[in-house]
């Protein structure tokens, strides 16, 4: 697989788009998190807000750019016709897909770390101005706190799983616009549709199945018992979505693009 990874890395670093998208993941995540932390207000003790989750709100923006990155890496070759050259030079379809997925996910995790750390720093600096103070039951955000550390690490892992999910969908769909629509719809439209469901039991089931709602449950540090799915179980849901997308994409790659 070393040869396939080297080939994918060579292709990736010779075009400007992926680098800009990775930078965008960091900037957008920190910026949106900073805005969220700056506008939230906790005027009285026990206001019920989760300070860690507020500080990591920007991950929802970052995941959209992660999806665009994965789709661009995969579908760019289909758009230019270079995929034929790639598959001729690297005929092992499954290994080629694994190399693409590994590279995109590795880069996403690398960008996710500073994005999440920057978001927590923004929250630590801005939240006290909105009343998130020790007097109101909110000590300064710190990775020394186990729940905060879990939320931070889980957010980075969530971004990596979104990269895998988008890679699988892109391989299956091949068209960049269609793949972007499918992944972004799953990530951002599906949660909105869930809110329109009136049946509470059905809404809870859909919440548990949503890759975003379930995946970002890892950010929660309060009221865990009332959540439809636990933090790590939620990441497991995203992992199942990613695995299904990669398996489906891999099968289509072997059968359709032979």
C-alpha atoms as a PDB file:
ATOM      1  CA  UNK A   1       0.000   0.000   0.000  1.00  0.00           C
ATOM      2  CA  UNK A   2       3.027   2.267   0.335  1.00  0.00           C
ATOM      3  CA  UNK A   3       3.150   2.838  -3.411  1.00  0.00           C
ATOM      4  CA  UNK A   4      -0.530   3.775  -3.543  1.00  0.00           C
ATOM      5  CA  UNK A   5      -0.182   6.173  -0.602  1.00  0.00           C
ATOM      6  CA  UNK A   6       2.818   7.857  -2.220  1.00  0.00           C
ATOM      7  CA  UNK A   7       0.940   8.240  -5.488  1.00  0.00           C
ATOM      8  CA  UNK A   8      -2.137   9.717  -3.784  1.00  0.00           C
ATOM      9  CA  UNK A   9       0.005  12.086  -1.722  1.00  0.00           C
ATOM     10  CA  UNK A  10       1.828  13.250  -4.852  1.00  0.00           C
ATOM     11  CA  UNK A  11      -1.462  14.010  -6.600  1.00  0.00           C
ATOM     12  CA  UNK A  12      -2.912  15.728  -3.557  1.00  0.00           C
ATOM     13  CA  UNK A  13      -0.014  18.072  -2.835  1.00  0.00           C
ATOM     14  CA  UNK A  14       0.314  19.249  -6.446  1.00  0.00           C
ATOM     15  CA  UNK A  15      -3.122  20.922  -6.527  1.00  0.00           C
ATOM     16  CA  UNK A  16      -4.056  23.949  -4.362  1.00  0.00           C
ATOM     17  CA  UNK A  17      -7.656  23.029  -3.507  1.00  0.00           C
ATOM     18  CA  UNK A  18      -7.114  20.446  -0.732  1.00  0.00           C
ATOM     19  CA  UNK A  19      -4.672  22.652   1.153  1.00  0.00           C
ATOM     20  CA  UNK A  20      -7.091  25.568   1.131  1.00  0.00           C
ATOM     21  CA  UNK A  21      -9.931  23.355   2.306  1.00  0.00           C
ATOM     22  CA  UNK A  22      -7.829  22.021   5.185  1.00  0.00           C
ATOM     23  CA  UNK A  23      -6.997  25.577   6.204  1.00  0.00           C
ATOM     24  CA  UNK A  24     -10.678  26.380   5.901  1.00  0.00           C
ATOM     25  CA  UNK A  25     -11.553  23.550   8.283  1.00  0.00           C
ATOM     26  CA  UNK A  26      -9.394  25.127  10.984  1.00  0.00           C
ATOM     27  CA  UNK A  27     -10.453  28.717  10.340  1.00  0.00           C
ATOM     28  CA  UNK A  28     -14.175  28.017   9.985  1.00  0.00           C
ATOM     29  CA  UNK A  29     -14.317  25.752  13.024  1.00  0.00           C
ATOM     30  CA  UNK A  30     -12.557  28.220  15.300  1.00  0.00           C
ATOM     31  CA  UNK A  31     -14.419  31.247  13.898  1.00  0.00           C
ATOM     32  CA  UNK A  32     -17.895  29.755  14.263  1.00  0.00           C
ATOM     33  CA  UNK A  33     -17.041  28.416  17.717  1.00  0.00           C
ATOM     34  CA  UNK A  34     -15.797  31.861  18.710  1.00  0.00           C
ATOM     35  CA  UNK A  35     -19.015  33.510  17.517  1.00  0.00           C
ATOM     36  CA  UNK A  36     -21.113  30.954  19.400  1.00  0.00           C
ATOM     37  CA  UNK A  37     -19.107  31.471  22.575  1.00  0.00           C
ATOM     38  CA  UNK A  38     -19.344  35.231  22.194  1.00  0.00           C
ATOM     39  CA  UNK A  39     -23.117  35.415  21.809  1.00  0.00           C
ATOM     40  CA  UNK A  40     -24.196  32.860  24.418  1.00  0.00           C
ATOM     41  CA  UNK A  41     -25.409  34.269  27.707  1.00  0.00           C
ATOM     42  CA  UNK A  42     -25.559  32.673  31.140  1.00  0.00           C
ATOM     43  CA  UNK A  43     -26.909  35.457  33.300  1.00  0.00           C
ATOM     44  CA  UNK A  44     -27.734  33.349  36.349  1.00  0.00           C
ATOM     45  CA  UNK A  45     -26.426  30.221  38.067  1.00  0.00           C
ATOM     46  CA  UNK A  46     -27.751  26.988  36.661  1.00  0.00           C
ATOM     47  CA  UNK A  47     -28.647  28.379  33.232  1.00  0.00           C
ATOM     48  CA  UNK A  48     -28.460  24.838  31.876  1.00  0.00           C
ATOM     49  CA  UNK A  49     -26.066  25.403  28.973  1.00  0.00           C
ATOM     50  CA  UNK A  50     -23.172  23.048  28.210  1.00  0.00           C
ATOM     51  CA  UNK A  51     -20.117  25.322  27.984  1.00  0.00           C
ATOM     52  CA  UNK A  52     -17.961  22.689  26.270  1.00  0.00           C
ATOM     53  CA  UNK A  53     -20.565  21.993  23.618  1.00  0.00           C
ATOM     54  CA  UNK A  54     -21.023  25.704  22.986  1.00  0.00           C
ATOM     55  CA  UNK A  55     -17.269  26.084  22.519  1.00  0.00           C
ATOM     56  CA  UNK A  56     -17.193  23.231  19.995  1.00  0.00           C
ATOM     57  CA  UNK A  57     -20.195  24.404  17.983  1.00  0.00           C
ATOM     58  CA  UNK A  58     -17.938  25.267  15.050  1.00  0.00           C
ATOM     59  CA  UNK A  59     -17.249  21.573  14.407  1.00  0.00           C
ATOM     60  CA  UNK A  60     -20.565  21.567  12.545  1.00  0.00           C
ATOM     61  CA  UNK A  61     -19.114  24.069  10.088  1.00  0.00           C
ATOM     62  CA  UNK A  62     -15.792  22.269   9.890  1.00  0.00           C
ATOM     63  CA  UNK A  63     -17.427  18.957   9.002  1.00  0.00           C
ATOM     64  CA  UNK A  64     -18.971  20.507   5.887  1.00  0.00           C
ATOM     65  CA  UNK A  65     -15.529  21.516   4.616  1.00  0.00           C
ATOM     66  CA  UNK A  66     -14.179  18.061   5.478  1.00  0.00           C
ATOM     67  CA  UNK A  67     -16.902  16.561   3.298  1.00  0.00           C
ATOM     68  CA  UNK A  68     -16.030  18.936   0.449  1.00  0.00           C
ATOM     69  CA  UNK A  69     -12.369  17.976   0.784  1.00  0.00           C
ATOM     70  CA  UNK A  70     -13.052  14.250   0.538  1.00  0.00           C
ATOM     71  CA  UNK A  71     -15.416  14.688  -2.402  1.00  0.00           C
ATOM     72  CA  UNK A  72     -12.952  16.933  -4.234  1.00  0.00           C
ATOM     73  CA  UNK A  73     -10.100  14.460  -3.789  1.00  0.00           C
ATOM     74  CA  UNK A  74     -12.146  11.541  -5.124  1.00  0.00           C
ATOM     75  CA  UNK A  75     -14.375  13.132  -7.744  1.00  0.00           C
ATOM     76  CA  UNK A  76     -11.708  15.424  -9.179  1.00  0.00           C
ATOM     77  CA  UNK A  77     -10.173  12.459 -10.956  1.00  0.00           C
ATOM     78  CA  UNK A  78     -13.501  11.380 -12.382  1.00  0.00           C
ATOM     79  CA  UNK A  79     -14.180  14.886 -13.646  1.00  0.00           C
ATOM     80  CA  UNK A  80     -10.885  15.104 -15.537  1.00  0.00           C
ATOM     81  CA  UNK A  81     -10.836  11.468 -16.657  1.00  0.00           C
ATOM     82  CA  UNK A  82      -7.560  10.857 -14.799  1.00  0.00           C
ATOM     83  CA  UNK A  83      -9.186   8.041 -12.852  1.00  0.00           C
ATOM     84  CA  UNK A  84      -8.524   5.746 -15.818  1.00  0.00           C
ATOM     85  CA  UNK A  85      -4.798   6.463 -15.514  1.00  0.00           C
ATOM     86  CA  UNK A  86      -4.909   5.933 -11.759  1.00  0.00           C
ATOM     87  CA  UNK A  87      -6.640   2.567 -12.035  1.00  0.00           C
ATOM     88  CA  UNK A  88      -4.333   1.468 -14.842  1.00  0.00           C
ATOM     89  CA  UNK A  89      -1.259   2.308 -12.760  1.00  0.00           C
ATOM     90  CA  UNK A  90      -2.765   0.925  -9.526  1.00  0.00           C
ATOM     91  CA  UNK A  91      -5.132  -1.896 -10.538  1.00  0.00           C
ATOM     92  CA  UNK A  92      -5.826  -3.038  -6.966  1.00  0.00           C
ATOM     93  CA  UNK A  93      -9.067  -1.120  -6.510  1.00  0.00           C
ATOM     94  CA  UNK A  94      -9.527  -1.859  -2.830  1.00  0.00           C
ATOM     95  CA  UNK A  95      -5.978  -0.816  -1.970  1.00  0.00           C
ATOM     96  CA  UNK A  96      -6.343   2.370  -4.018  1.00  0.00           C
ATOM     97  CA  UNK A  97      -9.544   3.254  -2.152  1.00  0.00           C
ATOM     98  CA  UNK A  98      -7.871   2.471   1.177  1.00  0.00           C
ATOM     99  CA  UNK A  99      -4.987   4.775   0.269  1.00  0.00           C
ATOM    100  CA  UNK A 100      -7.340   7.631  -0.642  1.00  0.00           C
ATOM    101  CA  UNK A 101      -9.410   7.159   2.494  1.00  0.00           C
ATOM    102  CA  UNK A 102      -6.341   6.920   4.738  1.00  0.00           C
ATOM    103  CA  UNK A 103      -4.771  10.045   3.298  1.00  0.00           C
ATOM    104  CA  UNK A 104      -7.921  12.158   3.463  1.00  0.00           C
ATOM    105  CA  UNK A 105      -8.680  10.974   6.985  1.00  0.00           C
ATOM    106  CA  UNK A 106      -5.131  11.536   8.183  1.00  0.00           C
ATOM    107  CA  UNK A 107      -5.103  15.085   6.850  1.00  0.00           C
ATOM    108  CA  UNK A 108      -8.518  15.714   8.376  1.00  0.00           C
ATOM    109  CA  UNK A 109      -7.371  14.526  11.786  1.00  0.00           C
ATOM    110  CA  UNK A 110      -4.296  16.718  11.452  1.00  0.00           C
ATOM    111  CA  UNK A 111      -6.463  19.758  10.762  1.00  0.00           C
ATOM    112  CA  UNK A 112      -9.050  18.731  13.348  1.00  0.00           C
ATOM    113  CA  UNK A 113      -6.626  18.923  16.267  1.00  0.00           C
ATOM    114  CA  UNK A 114      -5.787  22.656  15.945  1.00  0.00           C
ATOM    115  CA  UNK A 115      -9.405  23.386  14.973  1.00  0.00           C
ATOM    116  CA  UNK A 116     -10.768  21.820  18.156  1.00  0.00           C
ATOM    117  CA  UNK A 117      -8.022  23.205  20.394  1.00  0.00           C
ATOM    118  CA  UNK A 118      -8.551  26.671  18.919  1.00  0.00           C
ATOM    119  CA  UNK A 119     -12.280  26.383  19.545  1.00  0.00           C
ATOM    120  CA  UNK A 120     -11.764  25.465  23.178  1.00  0.00           C
ATOM    121  CA  UNK A 121      -9.326  28.325  23.597  1.00  0.00           C
ATOM    122  CA  UNK A 122     -11.865  30.721  22.094  1.00  0.00           C
ATOM    123  CA  UNK A 123     -14.477  29.390  24.501  1.00  0.00           C
ATOM    124  CA  UNK A 124     -12.141  29.742  27.478  1.00  0.00           C
ATOM    125  CA  UNK A 125     -11.492  33.378  26.564  1.00  0.00           C
ATOM    126  CA  UNK A 126     -14.982  34.459  25.487  1.00  0.00           C
ATOM    127  CA  UNK A 127     -17.455  32.488  27.594  1.00  0.00           C
ATOM    128  CA  UNK A 128     -16.703  34.269  30.912  1.00  0.00           C
ATOM    129  CA  UNK A 129     -17.876  37.520  29.305  1.00  0.00           C
ATOM    130  CA  UNK A 130     -21.303  35.916  28.842  1.00  0.00           C
ATOM    131  CA  UNK A 131     -21.635  34.815  32.435  1.00  0.00           C
ATOM    132  CA  UNK A 132     -19.974  31.406  32.206  1.00  0.00           C
ATOM    133  CA  UNK A 133     -18.014  31.993  35.382  1.00  0.00           C
ATOM    134  CA  UNK A 134     -17.113  29.890  38.442  1.00  0.00           C
ATOM    135  CA  UNK A 135     -19.751  31.824  40.372  1.00  0.00           C
ATOM    136  CA  UNK A 136     -22.382  30.479  37.962  1.00  0.00           C
ATOM    137  CA  UNK A 137     -20.972  26.962  38.129  1.00  0.00           C
ATOM    138  CA  UNK A 138     -18.686  27.120  35.104  1.00  0.00           C
ATOM    139  CA  UNK A 139     -14.962  26.765  35.813  1.00  0.00           C
ATOM    140  CA  UNK A 140     -12.572  27.748  32.988  1.00  0.00           C
ATOM    141  CA  UNK A 141     -12.443  25.175  30.190  1.00  0.00           C
ATOM    142  CA  UNK A 142      -9.465  22.853  30.550  1.00  0.00           C
ATOM    143  CA  UNK A 143      -8.325  19.627  28.941  1.00  0.00           C
ATOM    144  CA  UNK A 144      -7.412  18.482  32.426  1.00  0.00           C
ATOM    145  CA  UNK A 145     -11.125  17.870  32.904  1.00  0.00           C
ATOM    146  CA  UNK A 146     -11.944  14.347  31.702  1.00  0.00           C
ATOM    147  CA  UNK A 147     -15.283  15.273  30.124  1.00  0.00           C
ATOM    148  CA  UNK A 148     -13.757  18.189  28.227  1.00  0.00           C
ATOM    149  CA  UNK A 149     -10.892  16.016  27.008  1.00  0.00           C
ATOM    150  CA  UNK A 150     -13.358  13.370  25.821  1.00  0.00           C
ATOM    151  CA  UNK A 151     -15.419  15.993  24.003  1.00  0.00           C
ATOM    152  CA  UNK A 152     -12.321  17.401  22.302  1.00  0.00           C
ATOM    153  CA  UNK A 153     -10.886  14.036  21.259  1.00  0.00           C
ATOM    154  CA  UNK A 154     -14.307  12.827  20.160  1.00  0.00           C
ATOM    155  CA  UNK A 155     -14.827  15.922  18.011  1.00  0.00           C
ATOM    156  CA  UNK A 156     -11.567  15.247  16.169  1.00  0.00           C
ATOM    157  CA  UNK A 157     -12.568  11.611  15.661  1.00  0.00           C
ATOM    158  CA  UNK A 158     -15.980  12.724  14.398  1.00  0.00           C
ATOM    159  CA  UNK A 159     -14.318  14.842  11.708  1.00  0.00           C
ATOM    160  CA  UNK A 160     -12.188  11.874  10.689  1.00  0.00           C
ATOM    161  CA  UNK A 161     -15.251   9.633  10.404  1.00  0.00           C
ATOM    162  CA  UNK A 162     -17.031  12.270   8.307  1.00  0.00           C
ATOM    163  CA  UNK A 163     -14.025  12.210   5.959  1.00  0.00           C
ATOM    164  CA  UNK A 164     -14.375   8.430   5.589  1.00  0.00           C
ATOM    165  CA  UNK A 165     -18.128   8.709   5.038  1.00  0.00           C
ATOM    166  CA  UNK A 166     -17.707  11.373   2.353  1.00  0.00           C
ATOM    167  CA  UNK A 167     -14.955   9.381   0.646  1.00  0.00           C
ATOM    168  CA  UNK A 168     -17.186   6.325   0.374  1.00  0.00           C
ATOM    169  CA  UNK A 169     -20.124   8.330  -0.963  1.00  0.00           C
ATOM    170  CA  UNK A 170     -17.903  10.117  -3.485  1.00  0.00           C
ATOM    171  CA  UNK A 171     -16.519   6.839  -4.831  1.00  0.00           C
ATOM    172  CA  UNK A 172     -20.044   5.464  -5.177  1.00  0.00           C
ATOM    173  CA  UNK A 173     -21.546   8.567  -6.830  1.00  0.00           C
ATOM    174  CA  UNK A 174     -18.477   9.798  -8.807  1.00  0.00           C
ATOM    175  CA  UNK A 175     -20.091  13.139  -9.706  1.00  0.00           C
ATOM    176  CA  UNK A 176     -18.777  15.989  -7.542  1.00  0.00           C
ATOM    177  CA  UNK A 177     -21.995  18.004  -7.349  1.00  0.00           C
ATOM    178  CA  UNK A 178     -24.165  14.964  -6.625  1.00  0.00           C
ATOM    179  CA  UNK A 179     -21.731  13.644  -4.030  1.00  0.00           C
ATOM    180  CA  UNK A 180     -21.550  17.008  -2.258  1.00  0.00           C
ATOM    181  CA  UNK A 181     -25.344  17.220  -2.234  1.00  0.00           C
ATOM    182  CA  UNK A 182     -25.690  13.707  -0.830  1.00  0.00           C
ATOM    183  CA  UNK A 183     -23.129  14.134   1.942  1.00  0.00           C
ATOM    184  CA  UNK A 184     -24.129  17.657   2.962  1.00  0.00           C
ATOM    185  CA  UNK A 185     -27.788  16.663   2.903  1.00  0.00           C
ATOM    186  CA  UNK A 186     -27.031  13.756   5.220  1.00  0.00           C
ATOM    187  CA  UNK A 187     -24.970  15.953   7.529  1.00  0.00           C
ATOM    188  CA  UNK A 188     -27.088  19.106   7.643  1.00  0.00           C
ATOM    189  CA  UNK A 189     -30.509  18.485   6.087  1.00  0.00           C
ATOM    190  CA  UNK A 190     -31.263  15.219   7.884  1.00  0.00           C
ATOM    191  CA  UNK A 191     -31.109  16.859  11.369  1.00  0.00           C
ATOM    192  CA  UNK A 192     -33.536  19.562  10.199  1.00  0.00           C
ATOM    193  CA  UNK A 193     -35.964  16.949   8.888  1.00  0.00           C
ATOM    194  CA  UNK A 194     -35.831  15.185  12.258  1.00  0.00           C
ATOM    195  CA  UNK A 195     -37.046  18.358  13.974  1.00  0.00           C
ATOM    196  CA  UNK A 196     -40.151  18.315  11.761  1.00  0.00           C
ATOM    197  CA  UNK A 197     -41.184  14.857  12.954  1.00  0.00           C
ATOM    198  CA  UNK A 198     -43.991  15.141  15.505  1.00  0.00           C
ATOM    199  CA  UNK A 199     -43.904  11.595  16.855  1.00  0.00           C
ATOM    200  CA  UNK A 200     -41.461  11.707  19.777  1.00  0.00           C
ATOM    201  CA  UNK A 201     -40.547   8.024  19.609  1.00  0.00           C
ATOM    202  CA  UNK A 202     -39.812   8.190  15.880  1.00  0.00           C
ATOM    203  CA  UNK A 203     -37.918  11.430  16.368  1.00  0.00           C
ATOM    204  CA  UNK A 204     -35.740   9.785  19.018  1.00  0.00           C
ATOM    205  CA  UNK A 205     -34.975   6.835  16.719  1.00  0.00           C
ATOM    206  CA  UNK A 206     -34.065   9.136  13.835  1.00  0.00           C
ATOM    207  CA  UNK A 207     -31.906  11.191  16.210  1.00  0.00           C
ATOM    208  CA  UNK A 208     -30.039   8.028  17.165  1.00  0.00           C
ATOM    209  CA  UNK A 209     -29.502   7.177  13.481  1.00  0.00           C
ATOM    210  CA  UNK A 210     -28.388  10.631  12.364  1.00  0.00           C
ATOM    211  CA  UNK A 211     -24.609  10.706  11.808  1.00  0.00           C
ATOM    212  CA  UNK A 212     -24.402  14.302  13.006  1.00  0.00           C
ATOM    213  CA  UNK A 213     -26.767  14.216  15.976  1.00  0.00           C
ATOM    214  CA  UNK A 214     -25.347  10.918  17.184  1.00  0.00           C
ATOM    215  CA  UNK A 215     -21.729  11.745  16.382  1.00  0.00           C
ATOM    216  CA  UNK A 216     -21.714  15.126  18.074  1.00  0.00           C
ATOM    217  CA  UNK A 217     -23.225  13.639  21.222  1.00  0.00           C
ATOM    218  CA  UNK A 218     -19.584  13.052  22.154  1.00  0.00           C
ATOM    219  CA  UNK A 219     -19.331  16.793  22.831  1.00  0.00           C
ATOM    220  CA  UNK A 220     -21.886  16.706  25.634  1.00  0.00           C
ATOM    221  CA  UNK A 221     -20.613  17.006  29.183  1.00  0.00           C
ATOM    222  CA  UNK A 222     -23.918  17.540  31.025  1.00  0.00           C
ATOM    223  CA  UNK A 223     -27.274  15.715  31.220  1.00  0.00           C
ATOM    224  CA  UNK A 224     -25.823  12.594  29.577  1.00  0.00           C
ATOM    225  CA  UNK A 225     -28.538  10.345  31.019  1.00  0.00           C
ATOM    226  CA  UNK A 226     -31.292  12.183  29.125  1.00  0.00           C
ATOM    227  CA  UNK A 227     -29.602  11.946  25.723  1.00  0.00           C
ATOM    228  CA  UNK A 228     -30.958   9.501  23.094  1.00  0.00           C
ATOM    229  CA  UNK A 229     -27.485   8.027  22.608  1.00  0.00           C
ATOM    230  CA  UNK A 230     -24.301   8.112  24.657  1.00  0.00           C
ATOM    231  CA  UNK A 231     -21.112   9.915  23.612  1.00  0.00           C
ATOM    232  CA  UNK A 232     -19.060   6.931  22.428  1.00  0.00           C
ATOM    233  CA  UNK A 233     -22.080   5.032  21.123  1.00  0.00           C
ATOM    234  CA  UNK A 234     -22.847   8.098  19.012  1.00  0.00           C
ATOM    235  CA  UNK A 235     -19.422   7.933  17.422  1.00  0.00           C
ATOM    236  CA  UNK A 236     -20.127   4.267  16.769  1.00  0.00           C
ATOM    237  CA  UNK A 237     -23.163   5.302  14.730  1.00  0.00           C
ATOM    238  CA  UNK A 238     -21.005   7.556  12.537  1.00  0.00           C
ATOM    239  CA  UNK A 239     -18.474   4.749  12.198  1.00  0.00           C
ATOM    240  CA  UNK A 240     -21.224   2.446  10.915  1.00  0.00           C
ATOM    241  CA  UNK A 241     -22.279   5.065   8.346  1.00  0.00           C
ATOM    242  CA  UNK A 242     -18.665   5.468   7.238  1.00  0.00           C
ATOM    243  CA  UNK A 243     -18.091   1.714   7.019  1.00  0.00           C
ATOM    244  CA  UNK A 244     -21.268   1.210   4.978  1.00  0.00           C
ATOM    245  CA  UNK A 245     -20.302   4.015   2.588  1.00  0.00           C
ATOM    246  CA  UNK A 246     -16.780   2.666   2.108  1.00  0.00           C
ATOM    247  CA  UNK A 247     -17.948  -0.909   1.569  1.00  0.00           C
ATOM    248  CA  UNK A 248     -20.588   0.208  -0.919  1.00  0.00           C
ATOM    249  CA  UNK A 249     -18.163   2.505  -2.705  1.00  0.00           C
ATOM    250  CA  UNK A 250     -15.493  -0.174  -2.764  1.00  0.00           C
ATOM    251  CA  UNK A 251     -17.840  -2.753  -4.288  1.00  0.00           C
ATOM    252  CA  UNK A 252     -18.946  -0.318  -6.978  1.00  0.00           C
ATOM    253  CA  UNK A 253     -15.337   0.614  -7.682  1.00  0.00           C
ATOM    254  CA  UNK A 254     -14.435  -3.030  -8.287  1.00  0.00           C
ATOM    255  CA  UNK A 255     -17.515  -3.941 -10.311  1.00  0.00           C
ATOM    256  CA  UNK A 256     -18.320  -0.768 -12.221  1.00  0.00           C
ATOM    257  CA  UNK A 257     -14.867   0.722 -12.784  1.00  0.00           C
ATOM    258  CA  UNK A 258     -13.115  -2.490 -13.740  1.00  0.00           C
END
